């Protein structure tokens, strides 16, 4: 199982301090009539306790808007994708650090920082993205999010060469856009969408703290050699536009198998310094390597390391 989350341990976001009073769970409503055709409504009286409040108007929403404004004013969350300065050795080293290591471990019933070596992880079957909204997300915001996720899916497919798309049919990669209150009460939803998800992974989602901006859990078959079978990504409904986009792009890419962050990776979204808020050309080249037909899921770090130098040189020259 891959478990990743955007929780800066250092860099711009980790250094920022804001005053945020405790949010009391006191605004509830039942049911949802806002799900678009491409979405599956997940809010119902028996499934999830939902907030009647506009997520952007909550204390947490104001906190994230203040954070985004400060980051952008300081030159972070950059939107430029094509940044030069790449060479094959750096690309190969970054691939080994990001694709062949795990950011977090769920051992012991909780999530802890890992950084340990891991087998190659990716999907073998087409990725079919279902988008699910809590009742707090307005119809206009739902339409905007769906359009954004379609754009991300198209980018991921072009970069990797692997089929990725948003669907209104059966899905295997579920993106949940929920307010803080909705997410904290979504256990039955998680169990319905991903019956194989461990209790520890469920708890990691349900107990997300404010400094965890988004999260993805991807689950393989009986072994990593079978590839990923299912994934769930969490995007906070309270996020303003740039943080929202950053979460969508990073978590979907990490759910495809780029599971780790590295302080040395640049220019990259997979870096806790928050310099980039979108997938860069560097990140798209990592996806191209990950899904190259010379690699296969379940390969050990040593097996990949023996091939990565020549492969990175080939990919960089062709891309």
C-alpha atoms as a PDB file:
ATOM      1  CA  UNK A   1       0.000   0.000   0.000  1.00  0.00           C
ATOM      2  CA  UNK A   2       1.252   3.488  -0.825  1.00  0.00           C
ATOM      3  CA  UNK A   3       0.370   6.212   1.626  1.00  0.00           C
ATOM      4  CA  UNK A   4       1.425   9.781   0.903  1.00  0.00           C
ATOM      5  CA  UNK A   5       0.316  13.127   2.168  1.00  0.00           C
ATOM      6  CA  UNK A   6       1.258  16.733   1.608  1.00  0.00           C
ATOM      7  CA  UNK A   7       2.488  17.636   5.088  1.00  0.00           C
ATOM      8  CA  UNK A   8       5.508  19.935   4.909  1.00  0.00           C
ATOM      9  CA  UNK A   9       8.126  19.118   7.502  1.00  0.00           C
ATOM     10  CA  UNK A  10      10.326  22.000   6.430  1.00  0.00           C
ATOM     11  CA  UNK A  11      10.382  24.750   3.847  1.00  0.00           C
ATOM     12  CA  UNK A  12       8.062  27.702   3.349  1.00  0.00           C
ATOM     13  CA  UNK A  13       4.829  26.163   4.606  1.00  0.00           C
ATOM     14  CA  UNK A  14       6.383  24.515   7.623  1.00  0.00           C
ATOM     15  CA  UNK A  15       7.919  27.826   8.694  1.00  0.00           C
ATOM     16  CA  UNK A  16       4.664  29.763   8.520  1.00  0.00           C
ATOM     17  CA  UNK A  17       2.672  30.212  11.687  1.00  0.00           C
ATOM     18  CA  UNK A  18      -0.959  31.291  11.799  1.00  0.00           C
ATOM     19  CA  UNK A  19      -3.443  31.602  14.594  1.00  0.00           C
ATOM     20  CA  UNK A  20      -6.327  29.193  14.070  1.00  0.00           C
ATOM     21  CA  UNK A  21      -8.849  28.603  16.861  1.00  0.00           C
ATOM     22  CA  UNK A  22     -10.225  25.098  17.289  1.00  0.00           C
ATOM     23  CA  UNK A  23     -13.072  24.460  14.876  1.00  0.00           C
ATOM     24  CA  UNK A  24     -16.078  23.096  16.721  1.00  0.00           C
ATOM     25  CA  UNK A  25     -18.132  20.500  14.899  1.00  0.00           C
ATOM     26  CA  UNK A  26     -21.443  22.262  15.282  1.00  0.00           C
ATOM     27  CA  UNK A  27     -22.721  22.916  11.761  1.00  0.00           C
ATOM     28  CA  UNK A  28     -24.384  19.826  10.329  1.00  0.00           C
ATOM     29  CA  UNK A  29     -26.921  19.012   7.639  1.00  0.00           C
ATOM     30  CA  UNK A  30     -28.008  15.775   6.027  1.00  0.00           C
ATOM     31  CA  UNK A  31     -28.028  14.717   2.419  1.00  0.00           C
ATOM     32  CA  UNK A  32     -26.644  16.142  -0.833  1.00  0.00           C
ATOM     33  CA  UNK A  33     -28.370  17.297  -3.997  1.00  0.00           C
ATOM     34  CA  UNK A  34     -25.312  18.901  -5.594  1.00  0.00           C
ATOM     35  CA  UNK A  35     -23.435  15.995  -7.202  1.00  0.00           C
ATOM     36  CA  UNK A  36     -22.810  16.511 -10.923  1.00  0.00           C
ATOM     37  CA  UNK A  37     -23.392  13.758 -13.486  1.00  0.00           C
ATOM     38  CA  UNK A  38     -19.736  12.726 -13.474  1.00  0.00           C
ATOM     39  CA  UNK A  39     -19.664  12.446  -9.702  1.00  0.00           C
ATOM     40  CA  UNK A  40     -21.083   9.964  -7.277  1.00  0.00           C
ATOM     41  CA  UNK A  41     -22.940  11.559  -4.385  1.00  0.00           C
ATOM     42  CA  UNK A  42     -21.409  10.335  -1.154  1.00  0.00           C
ATOM     43  CA  UNK A  43     -23.234  12.467   1.372  1.00  0.00           C
ATOM     44  CA  UNK A  44     -26.335  10.897   2.827  1.00  0.00           C
ATOM     45  CA  UNK A  45     -27.755  10.736   6.346  1.00  0.00           C
ATOM     46  CA  UNK A  46     -26.431   7.220   6.862  1.00  0.00           C
ATOM     47  CA  UNK A  47     -23.012   7.759   5.315  1.00  0.00           C
ATOM     48  CA  UNK A  48     -21.542  11.061   6.389  1.00  0.00           C
ATOM     49  CA  UNK A  49     -22.177  14.046   8.597  1.00  0.00           C
ATOM     50  CA  UNK A  50     -21.932  17.101   6.369  1.00  0.00           C
ATOM     51  CA  UNK A  51     -21.407  20.781   6.973  1.00  0.00           C
ATOM     52  CA  UNK A  52     -23.967  23.349   5.927  1.00  0.00           C
ATOM     53  CA  UNK A  53     -21.281  26.041   5.940  1.00  0.00           C
ATOM     54  CA  UNK A  54     -19.476  27.320   2.860  1.00  0.00           C
ATOM     55  CA  UNK A  55     -15.999  25.798   3.364  1.00  0.00           C
ATOM     56  CA  UNK A  56     -14.294  28.975   2.112  1.00  0.00           C
ATOM     57  CA  UNK A  57     -15.989  30.983   4.859  1.00  0.00           C
ATOM     58  CA  UNK A  58     -14.881  28.782   7.735  1.00  0.00           C
ATOM     59  CA  UNK A  59     -11.890  29.516   9.960  1.00  0.00           C
ATOM     60  CA  UNK A  60      -9.957  26.778   8.185  1.00  0.00           C
ATOM     61  CA  UNK A  61     -10.851  28.245   4.797  1.00  0.00           C
ATOM     62  CA  UNK A  62      -9.607  31.669   5.870  1.00  0.00           C
ATOM     63  CA  UNK A  63      -6.437  30.076   7.244  1.00  0.00           C
ATOM     64  CA  UNK A  64      -5.612  28.433   3.912  1.00  0.00           C
ATOM     65  CA  UNK A  65      -6.393  31.612   1.952  1.00  0.00           C
ATOM     66  CA  UNK A  66      -4.016  33.549   4.186  1.00  0.00           C
ATOM     67  CA  UNK A  67      -1.382  30.864   3.723  1.00  0.00           C
ATOM     68  CA  UNK A  68      -1.727  30.839  -0.072  1.00  0.00           C
ATOM     69  CA  UNK A  69      -1.591  34.637  -0.277  1.00  0.00           C
ATOM     70  CA  UNK A  70       1.586  34.758   1.764  1.00  0.00           C
ATOM     71  CA  UNK A  71       3.240  31.963  -0.219  1.00  0.00           C
ATOM     72  CA  UNK A  72       2.443  33.535  -3.590  1.00  0.00           C
ATOM     73  CA  UNK A  73       3.678  36.951  -2.425  1.00  0.00           C
ATOM     74  CA  UNK A  74       7.007  35.318  -1.530  1.00  0.00           C
ATOM     75  CA  UNK A  75       7.382  33.586  -4.898  1.00  0.00           C
ATOM     76  CA  UNK A  76       6.183  30.096  -3.914  1.00  0.00           C
ATOM     77  CA  UNK A  77       3.547  27.850  -5.525  1.00  0.00           C
ATOM     78  CA  UNK A  78       4.990  28.723  -8.924  1.00  0.00           C
ATOM     79  CA  UNK A  79       2.894  27.865 -11.968  1.00  0.00           C
ATOM     80  CA  UNK A  80       5.661  27.588 -14.582  1.00  0.00           C
ATOM     81  CA  UNK A  81       6.235  24.017 -15.717  1.00  0.00           C
ATOM     82  CA  UNK A  82       9.132  24.113 -18.153  1.00  0.00           C
ATOM     83  CA  UNK A  83      12.185  24.934 -16.090  1.00  0.00           C
ATOM     84  CA  UNK A  84      15.598  24.075 -17.520  1.00  0.00           C
ATOM     85  CA  UNK A  85      18.769  22.768 -15.946  1.00  0.00           C
ATOM     86  CA  UNK A  86      18.063  19.024 -16.062  1.00  0.00           C
ATOM     87  CA  UNK A  87      20.713  16.416 -16.796  1.00  0.00           C
ATOM     88  CA  UNK A  88      20.447  12.596 -16.988  1.00  0.00           C
ATOM     89  CA  UNK A  89      22.310  11.918 -13.738  1.00  0.00           C
ATOM     90  CA  UNK A  90      20.108  14.275 -11.717  1.00  0.00           C
ATOM     91  CA  UNK A  91      16.965  12.872 -13.309  1.00  0.00           C
ATOM     92  CA  UNK A  92      18.082   9.308 -12.513  1.00  0.00           C
ATOM     93  CA  UNK A  93      18.960  10.166  -8.908  1.00  0.00           C
ATOM     94  CA  UNK A  94      15.656  11.953  -8.393  1.00  0.00           C
ATOM     95  CA  UNK A  95      13.733   9.007  -9.832  1.00  0.00           C
ATOM     96  CA  UNK A  96      15.390   6.641  -7.376  1.00  0.00           C
ATOM     97  CA  UNK A  97      14.623   9.029  -4.488  1.00  0.00           C
ATOM     98  CA  UNK A  98      10.989   9.672  -5.442  1.00  0.00           C
ATOM     99  CA  UNK A  99       9.744   6.478  -7.137  1.00  0.00           C
ATOM    100  CA  UNK A 100      11.784   3.881  -5.242  1.00  0.00           C
ATOM    101  CA  UNK A 101      11.223   5.065  -1.689  1.00  0.00           C
ATOM    102  CA  UNK A 102       8.147   5.481   0.543  1.00  0.00           C
ATOM    103  CA  UNK A 103       7.306   8.782   2.192  1.00  0.00           C
ATOM    104  CA  UNK A 104       5.206   7.331   5.024  1.00  0.00           C
ATOM    105  CA  UNK A 105       4.627   4.043   6.768  1.00  0.00           C
ATOM    106  CA  UNK A 106       1.367   2.850   8.314  1.00  0.00           C
ATOM    107  CA  UNK A 107       2.943   0.319  10.625  1.00  0.00           C
ATOM    108  CA  UNK A 108       1.815   0.244  14.219  1.00  0.00           C
ATOM    109  CA  UNK A 109      -1.653   1.563  13.418  1.00  0.00           C
ATOM    110  CA  UNK A 110      -0.576   5.108  12.566  1.00  0.00           C
ATOM    111  CA  UNK A 111       1.271   7.104   9.944  1.00  0.00           C
ATOM    112  CA  UNK A 112       4.939   7.905  10.426  1.00  0.00           C
ATOM    113  CA  UNK A 113       7.621   9.287   8.162  1.00  0.00           C
ATOM    114  CA  UNK A 114       9.467   6.477   6.457  1.00  0.00           C
ATOM    115  CA  UNK A 115      11.782   7.260   3.550  1.00  0.00           C
ATOM    116  CA  UNK A 116      12.594   3.548   3.277  1.00  0.00           C
ATOM    117  CA  UNK A 117      13.440   1.769   0.018  1.00  0.00           C
ATOM    118  CA  UNK A 118      10.469   0.227  -1.787  1.00  0.00           C
ATOM    119  CA  UNK A 119       9.711  -1.774  -4.954  1.00  0.00           C
ATOM    120  CA  UNK A 120       8.578  -0.042  -8.105  1.00  0.00           C
ATOM    121  CA  UNK A 121       4.882   0.784  -7.892  1.00  0.00           C
ATOM    122  CA  UNK A 122       2.549   1.733 -10.725  1.00  0.00           C
ATOM    123  CA  UNK A 123      -0.760   0.853 -12.376  1.00  0.00           C
ATOM    124  CA  UNK A 124      -1.080  -1.829 -15.008  1.00  0.00           C
ATOM    125  CA  UNK A 125      -4.789  -1.316 -15.646  1.00  0.00           C
ATOM    126  CA  UNK A 126      -6.252   1.976 -16.967  1.00  0.00           C
ATOM    127  CA  UNK A 127      -6.844   4.591 -14.285  1.00  0.00           C
ATOM    128  CA  UNK A 128     -10.513   5.601 -14.094  1.00  0.00           C
ATOM    129  CA  UNK A 129     -11.046   8.623 -11.860  1.00  0.00           C
ATOM    130  CA  UNK A 130     -14.326   9.131 -10.012  1.00  0.00           C
ATOM    131  CA  UNK A 131     -14.854  12.482  -8.299  1.00  0.00           C
ATOM    132  CA  UNK A 132     -16.920  12.601  -5.102  1.00  0.00           C
ATOM    133  CA  UNK A 133     -18.064  15.791  -3.378  1.00  0.00           C
ATOM    134  CA  UNK A 134     -19.356  16.523   0.064  1.00  0.00           C
ATOM    135  CA  UNK A 135     -22.579  18.525   0.329  1.00  0.00           C
ATOM    136  CA  UNK A 136     -20.598  21.594   1.359  1.00  0.00           C
ATOM    137  CA  UNK A 137     -19.116  21.952  -2.153  1.00  0.00           C
ATOM    138  CA  UNK A 138     -21.250  24.204  -4.357  1.00  0.00           C
ATOM    139  CA  UNK A 139     -22.326  23.221  -7.842  1.00  0.00           C
ATOM    140  CA  UNK A 140     -20.099  25.903  -9.386  1.00  0.00           C
ATOM    141  CA  UNK A 141     -17.088  24.662  -7.431  1.00  0.00           C
ATOM    142  CA  UNK A 142     -17.854  21.073  -8.402  1.00  0.00           C
ATOM    143  CA  UNK A 143     -17.849  21.999 -12.079  1.00  0.00           C
ATOM    144  CA  UNK A 144     -14.562  23.853 -11.658  1.00  0.00           C
ATOM    145  CA  UNK A 145     -12.973  20.927  -9.820  1.00  0.00           C
ATOM    146  CA  UNK A 146     -14.117  18.397 -12.398  1.00  0.00           C
ATOM    147  CA  UNK A 147     -12.676  20.517 -15.207  1.00  0.00           C
ATOM    148  CA  UNK A 148      -9.403  20.848 -13.299  1.00  0.00           C
ATOM    149  CA  UNK A 149      -9.202  17.109 -12.653  1.00  0.00           C
ATOM    150  CA  UNK A 150      -9.888  16.333 -16.303  1.00  0.00           C
ATOM    151  CA  UNK A 151      -7.003  18.612 -17.218  1.00  0.00           C
ATOM    152  CA  UNK A 152      -4.721  16.909 -14.687  1.00  0.00           C
ATOM    153  CA  UNK A 153      -5.764  13.471 -15.964  1.00  0.00           C
ATOM    154  CA  UNK A 154      -4.957  14.480 -19.539  1.00  0.00           C
ATOM    155  CA  UNK A 155      -1.544  15.766 -18.464  1.00  0.00           C
ATOM    156  CA  UNK A 156      -0.767  12.590 -16.534  1.00  0.00           C
ATOM    157  CA  UNK A 157      -1.777  10.445 -19.512  1.00  0.00           C
ATOM    158  CA  UNK A 158       0.369  12.444 -21.933  1.00  0.00           C
ATOM    159  CA  UNK A 159       3.348  12.330 -19.598  1.00  0.00           C
ATOM    160  CA  UNK A 160       3.157   8.654 -18.674  1.00  0.00           C
ATOM    161  CA  UNK A 161       1.657   7.130 -21.806  1.00  0.00           C
ATOM    162  CA  UNK A 162      -0.695   5.242 -19.473  1.00  0.00           C
ATOM    163  CA  UNK A 163      -4.500   5.564 -19.828  1.00  0.00           C
ATOM    164  CA  UNK A 164      -5.865   8.074 -17.279  1.00  0.00           C
ATOM    165  CA  UNK A 165      -9.297   9.676 -17.404  1.00  0.00           C
ATOM    166  CA  UNK A 166     -12.240  11.011 -15.435  1.00  0.00           C
ATOM    167  CA  UNK A 167     -15.305   8.793 -15.763  1.00  0.00           C
ATOM    168  CA  UNK A 168     -18.928   8.672 -14.641  1.00  0.00           C
ATOM    169  CA  UNK A 169     -18.788   4.878 -14.788  1.00  0.00           C
ATOM    170  CA  UNK A 170     -17.080   2.500 -12.366  1.00  0.00           C
ATOM    171  CA  UNK A 171     -13.843   3.991 -11.059  1.00  0.00           C
ATOM    172  CA  UNK A 172     -10.691   2.745  -9.398  1.00  0.00           C
ATOM    173  CA  UNK A 173      -9.102   6.076  -8.406  1.00  0.00           C
ATOM    174  CA  UNK A 174     -11.478   8.047  -6.187  1.00  0.00           C
ATOM    175  CA  UNK A 175     -10.933  11.755  -5.513  1.00  0.00           C
ATOM    176  CA  UNK A 176     -12.898  12.989  -2.495  1.00  0.00           C
ATOM    177  CA  UNK A 177     -13.388  16.748  -2.140  1.00  0.00           C
ATOM    178  CA  UNK A 178     -14.620  17.207   1.427  1.00  0.00           C
ATOM    179  CA  UNK A 179     -14.794  19.834   4.108  1.00  0.00           C
ATOM    180  CA  UNK A 180     -12.980  19.162   7.351  1.00  0.00           C
ATOM    181  CA  UNK A 181     -16.167  18.035   9.078  1.00  0.00           C
ATOM    182  CA  UNK A 182     -17.217  15.815   6.177  1.00  0.00           C
ATOM    183  CA  UNK A 183     -13.837  14.137   5.957  1.00  0.00           C
ATOM    184  CA  UNK A 184     -13.744  13.424   9.692  1.00  0.00           C
ATOM    185  CA  UNK A 185     -17.050  11.549   9.386  1.00  0.00           C
ATOM    186  CA  UNK A 186     -16.356   9.637   6.175  1.00  0.00           C
ATOM    187  CA  UNK A 187     -15.381   6.204   7.526  1.00  0.00           C
ATOM    188  CA  UNK A 188     -18.378   4.430   5.995  1.00  0.00           C
ATOM    189  CA  UNK A 189     -17.654   6.135   2.664  1.00  0.00           C
ATOM    190  CA  UNK A 190     -14.045   4.935   2.729  1.00  0.00           C
ATOM    191  CA  UNK A 191     -15.187   1.417   3.568  1.00  0.00           C
ATOM    192  CA  UNK A 192     -17.670   1.464   0.706  1.00  0.00           C
ATOM    193  CA  UNK A 193     -15.237   2.814  -1.898  1.00  0.00           C
ATOM    194  CA  UNK A 194     -12.172   0.826  -0.810  1.00  0.00           C
ATOM    195  CA  UNK A 195     -13.077  -2.254   1.233  1.00  0.00           C
ATOM    196  CA  UNK A 196      -9.430  -3.393   1.250  1.00  0.00           C
ATOM    197  CA  UNK A 197      -8.160  -0.185   2.865  1.00  0.00           C
ATOM    198  CA  UNK A 198      -6.630  -0.885   6.260  1.00  0.00           C
ATOM    199  CA  UNK A 199      -8.007   0.586   9.463  1.00  0.00           C
ATOM    200  CA  UNK A 200      -4.730   2.500   9.896  1.00  0.00           C
ATOM    201  CA  UNK A 201      -5.110   4.135   6.488  1.00  0.00           C
ATOM    202  CA  UNK A 202      -8.728   5.028   7.255  1.00  0.00           C
ATOM    203  CA  UNK A 203      -7.660   6.602  10.531  1.00  0.00           C
ATOM    204  CA  UNK A 204      -4.916   8.594   8.821  1.00  0.00           C
ATOM    205  CA  UNK A 205      -7.551  10.150   6.558  1.00  0.00           C
ATOM    206  CA  UNK A 206     -10.156  10.696   9.266  1.00  0.00           C
ATOM    207  CA  UNK A 207      -7.633  12.302  11.630  1.00  0.00           C
ATOM    208  CA  UNK A 208      -5.911  14.649   9.192  1.00  0.00           C
ATOM    209  CA  UNK A 209      -4.552  17.736  10.917  1.00  0.00           C
ATOM    210  CA  UNK A 210      -4.663  21.197   9.395  1.00  0.00           C
ATOM    211  CA  UNK A 211      -0.992  20.973   8.325  1.00  0.00           C
ATOM    212  CA  UNK A 212      -1.856  17.961   6.161  1.00  0.00           C
ATOM    213  CA  UNK A 213      -3.189  19.640   3.037  1.00  0.00           C
ATOM    214  CA  UNK A 214      -4.096  16.540   1.025  1.00  0.00           C
ATOM    215  CA  UNK A 215      -3.473  12.816   0.976  1.00  0.00           C
ATOM    216  CA  UNK A 216      -3.540   9.735  -1.232  1.00  0.00           C
ATOM    217  CA  UNK A 217      -3.694   6.035  -0.416  1.00  0.00           C
ATOM    218  CA  UNK A 218      -3.056   3.578  -3.282  1.00  0.00           C
ATOM    219  CA  UNK A 219      -3.545  -0.152  -2.874  1.00  0.00           C
ATOM    220  CA  UNK A 220      -1.881  -2.899  -4.940  1.00  0.00           C
ATOM    221  CA  UNK A 221      -3.196  -6.357  -5.674  1.00  0.00           C
ATOM    222  CA  UNK A 222      -1.928  -9.397  -3.829  1.00  0.00           C
ATOM    223  CA  UNK A 223       1.596  -8.226  -4.695  1.00  0.00           C
ATOM    224  CA  UNK A 224       3.222  -5.111  -6.132  1.00  0.00           C
ATOM    225  CA  UNK A 225       3.879  -7.099  -9.317  1.00  0.00           C
ATOM    226  CA  UNK A 226       0.145  -6.925 -10.045  1.00  0.00           C
ATOM    227  CA  UNK A 227       0.188  -3.135  -9.939  1.00  0.00           C
ATOM    228  CA  UNK A 228      -2.133  -0.808  -8.137  1.00  0.00           C
ATOM    229  CA  UNK A 229      -5.790  -1.783  -8.097  1.00  0.00           C
ATOM    230  CA  UNK A 230      -7.384   1.136  -6.277  1.00  0.00           C
ATOM    231  CA  UNK A 231      -6.610   4.566  -4.821  1.00  0.00           C
ATOM    232  CA  UNK A 232      -8.312   7.268  -2.778  1.00  0.00           C
ATOM    233  CA  UNK A 233      -7.154  10.889  -2.726  1.00  0.00           C
ATOM    234  CA  UNK A 234      -8.410  13.544  -0.322  1.00  0.00           C
ATOM    235  CA  UNK A 235      -8.616  17.211  -1.357  1.00  0.00           C
ATOM    236  CA  UNK A 236      -9.777  19.722   1.214  1.00  0.00           C
ATOM    237  CA  UNK A 237     -12.856  21.676   0.149  1.00  0.00           C
ATOM    238  CA  UNK A 238     -11.475  24.670   2.070  1.00  0.00           C
ATOM    239  CA  UNK A 239      -8.460  25.104  -0.216  1.00  0.00           C
ATOM    240  CA  UNK A 240      -8.124  28.240  -2.364  1.00  0.00           C
ATOM    241  CA  UNK A 241      -7.296  27.849  -6.077  1.00  0.00           C
ATOM    242  CA  UNK A 242      -3.513  27.362  -6.111  1.00  0.00           C
ATOM    243  CA  UNK A 243      -3.377  25.045  -3.111  1.00  0.00           C
ATOM    244  CA  UNK A 244      -6.320  23.121  -4.542  1.00  0.00           C
ATOM    245  CA  UNK A 245      -4.557  22.693  -7.889  1.00  0.00           C
ATOM    246  CA  UNK A 246      -1.305  21.718  -6.193  1.00  0.00           C
ATOM    247  CA  UNK A 247      -3.076  18.999  -4.218  1.00  0.00           C
ATOM    248  CA  UNK A 248      -4.811  17.618  -7.290  1.00  0.00           C
ATOM    249  CA  UNK A 249      -1.637  17.458  -9.360  1.00  0.00           C
ATOM    250  CA  UNK A 250       0.697  16.137  -6.670  1.00  0.00           C
ATOM    251  CA  UNK A 251      -1.601  13.545  -5.109  1.00  0.00           C
ATOM    252  CA  UNK A 252      -2.768  12.084  -8.412  1.00  0.00           C
ATOM    253  CA  UNK A 253       0.832  11.804  -9.602  1.00  0.00           C
ATOM    254  CA  UNK A 254       1.886  10.244  -6.309  1.00  0.00           C
ATOM    255  CA  UNK A 255      -1.056   7.860  -6.561  1.00  0.00           C
ATOM    256  CA  UNK A 256       0.369   6.754  -9.911  1.00  0.00           C
ATOM    257  CA  UNK A 257       3.554   5.616  -8.175  1.00  0.00           C
ATOM    258  CA  UNK A 258       5.783   8.641  -7.516  1.00  0.00           C
ATOM    259  CA  UNK A 259       5.346   8.016  -3.829  1.00  0.00           C
ATOM    260  CA  UNK A 260       8.056  10.035  -2.088  1.00  0.00           C
ATOM    261  CA  UNK A 261       9.170  13.646  -1.711  1.00  0.00           C
ATOM    262  CA  UNK A 262      12.824  14.642  -1.870  1.00  0.00           C
ATOM    263  CA  UNK A 263      14.469  17.865  -0.646  1.00  0.00           C
ATOM    264  CA  UNK A 264      16.968  17.531  -3.505  1.00  0.00           C
ATOM    265  CA  UNK A 265      14.411  17.256  -6.317  1.00  0.00           C
ATOM    266  CA  UNK A 266      14.235  20.462  -8.326  1.00  0.00           C
ATOM    267  CA  UNK A 267      12.458  21.797 -10.266  1.00  0.00           C
ATOM    268  CA  UNK A 268       9.710  19.611  -8.844  1.00  0.00           C
ATOM    269  CA  UNK A 269       6.400  19.556  -7.036  1.00  0.00           C
ATOM    270  CA  UNK A 270       7.773  16.578  -5.054  1.00  0.00           C
ATOM    271  CA  UNK A 271       9.723  18.821  -2.715  1.00  0.00           C
ATOM    272  CA  UNK A 272       8.615  20.154   0.644  1.00  0.00           C
ATOM    273  CA  UNK A 273       9.916  23.651  -0.067  1.00  0.00           C
ATOM    274  CA  UNK A 274       6.626  24.438  -1.936  1.00  0.00           C
ATOM    275  CA  UNK A 275       8.469  26.349  -4.661  1.00  0.00           C
ATOM    276  CA  UNK A 276       6.333  24.753  -7.382  1.00  0.00           C
ATOM    277  CA  UNK A 277       2.563  24.329  -7.203  1.00  0.00           C
ATOM    278  CA  UNK A 278       2.226  22.334 -10.433  1.00  0.00           C
ATOM    279  CA  UNK A 279       3.888  19.330 -12.055  1.00  0.00           C
ATOM    280  CA  UNK A 280       7.009  20.475 -13.878  1.00  0.00           C
ATOM    281  CA  UNK A 281       8.692  19.005 -16.954  1.00  0.00           C
ATOM    282  CA  UNK A 282      11.023  17.232 -14.513  1.00  0.00           C
ATOM    283  CA  UNK A 283       8.027  15.554 -12.852  1.00  0.00           C
ATOM    284  CA  UNK A 284       6.479  14.556 -16.166  1.00  0.00           C
ATOM    285  CA  UNK A 285       9.784  12.952 -17.195  1.00  0.00           C
ATOM    286  CA  UNK A 286       9.715  10.970 -13.946  1.00  0.00           C
ATOM    287  CA  UNK A 287       6.272   9.660 -14.921  1.00  0.00           C
ATOM    288  CA  UNK A 288       7.542   8.751 -18.381  1.00  0.00           C
ATOM    289  CA  UNK A 289      10.359   6.751 -16.806  1.00  0.00           C
ATOM    290  CA  UNK A 290       8.007   5.085 -14.312  1.00  0.00           C
ATOM    291  CA  UNK A 291       5.730   3.802 -17.073  1.00  0.00           C
ATOM    292  CA  UNK A 292       8.450   2.899 -19.556  1.00  0.00           C
ATOM    293  CA  UNK A 293       8.011  -0.611 -20.931  1.00  0.00           C
ATOM    294  CA  UNK A 294      11.508  -1.614 -19.806  1.00  0.00           C
ATOM    295  CA  UNK A 295      10.345  -1.405 -16.195  1.00  0.00           C
ATOM    296  CA  UNK A 296       7.663  -3.413 -14.443  1.00  0.00           C
ATOM    297  CA  UNK A 297       5.855  -3.179 -11.112  1.00  0.00           C
ATOM    298  CA  UNK A 298       7.486  -5.030  -8.241  1.00  0.00           C
ATOM    299  CA  UNK A 299      11.059  -4.477  -9.462  1.00  0.00           C
ATOM    300  CA  UNK A 300      13.533  -3.981  -6.614  1.00  0.00           C
ATOM    301  CA  UNK A 301      15.561  -0.762  -6.202  1.00  0.00           C
ATOM    302  CA  UNK A 302      18.682  -2.655  -7.263  1.00  0.00           C
ATOM    303  CA  UNK A 303      17.005  -3.873 -10.453  1.00  0.00           C
ATOM    304  CA  UNK A 304      15.840  -0.371 -11.324  1.00  0.00           C
ATOM    305  CA  UNK A 305      19.157   1.205 -10.401  1.00  0.00           C
ATOM    306  CA  UNK A 306      20.925  -1.027 -12.927  1.00  0.00           C
ATOM    307  CA  UNK A 307      18.752   0.406 -15.723  1.00  0.00           C
ATOM    308  CA  UNK A 308      17.992   3.946 -14.636  1.00  0.00           C
ATOM    309  CA  UNK A 309      21.104   5.728 -15.925  1.00  0.00           C
ATOM    310  CA  UNK A 310      20.644   4.712 -19.542  1.00  0.00           C
ATOM    311  CA  UNK A 311      16.868   5.076 -19.331  1.00  0.00           C
ATOM    312  CA  UNK A 312      17.077   8.627 -17.926  1.00  0.00           C
ATOM    313  CA  UNK A 313      19.472   9.612 -20.682  1.00  0.00           C
ATOM    314  CA  UNK A 314      17.118   8.214 -23.314  1.00  0.00           C
ATOM    315  CA  UNK A 315      14.025   9.839 -21.825  1.00  0.00           C
ATOM    316  CA  UNK A 316      15.658  13.243 -21.421  1.00  0.00           C
ATOM    317  CA  UNK A 317      16.974  13.190 -24.985  1.00  0.00           C
ATOM    318  CA  UNK A 318      13.571  12.275 -26.399  1.00  0.00           C
ATOM    319  CA  UNK A 319      11.413  14.492 -24.223  1.00  0.00           C
END
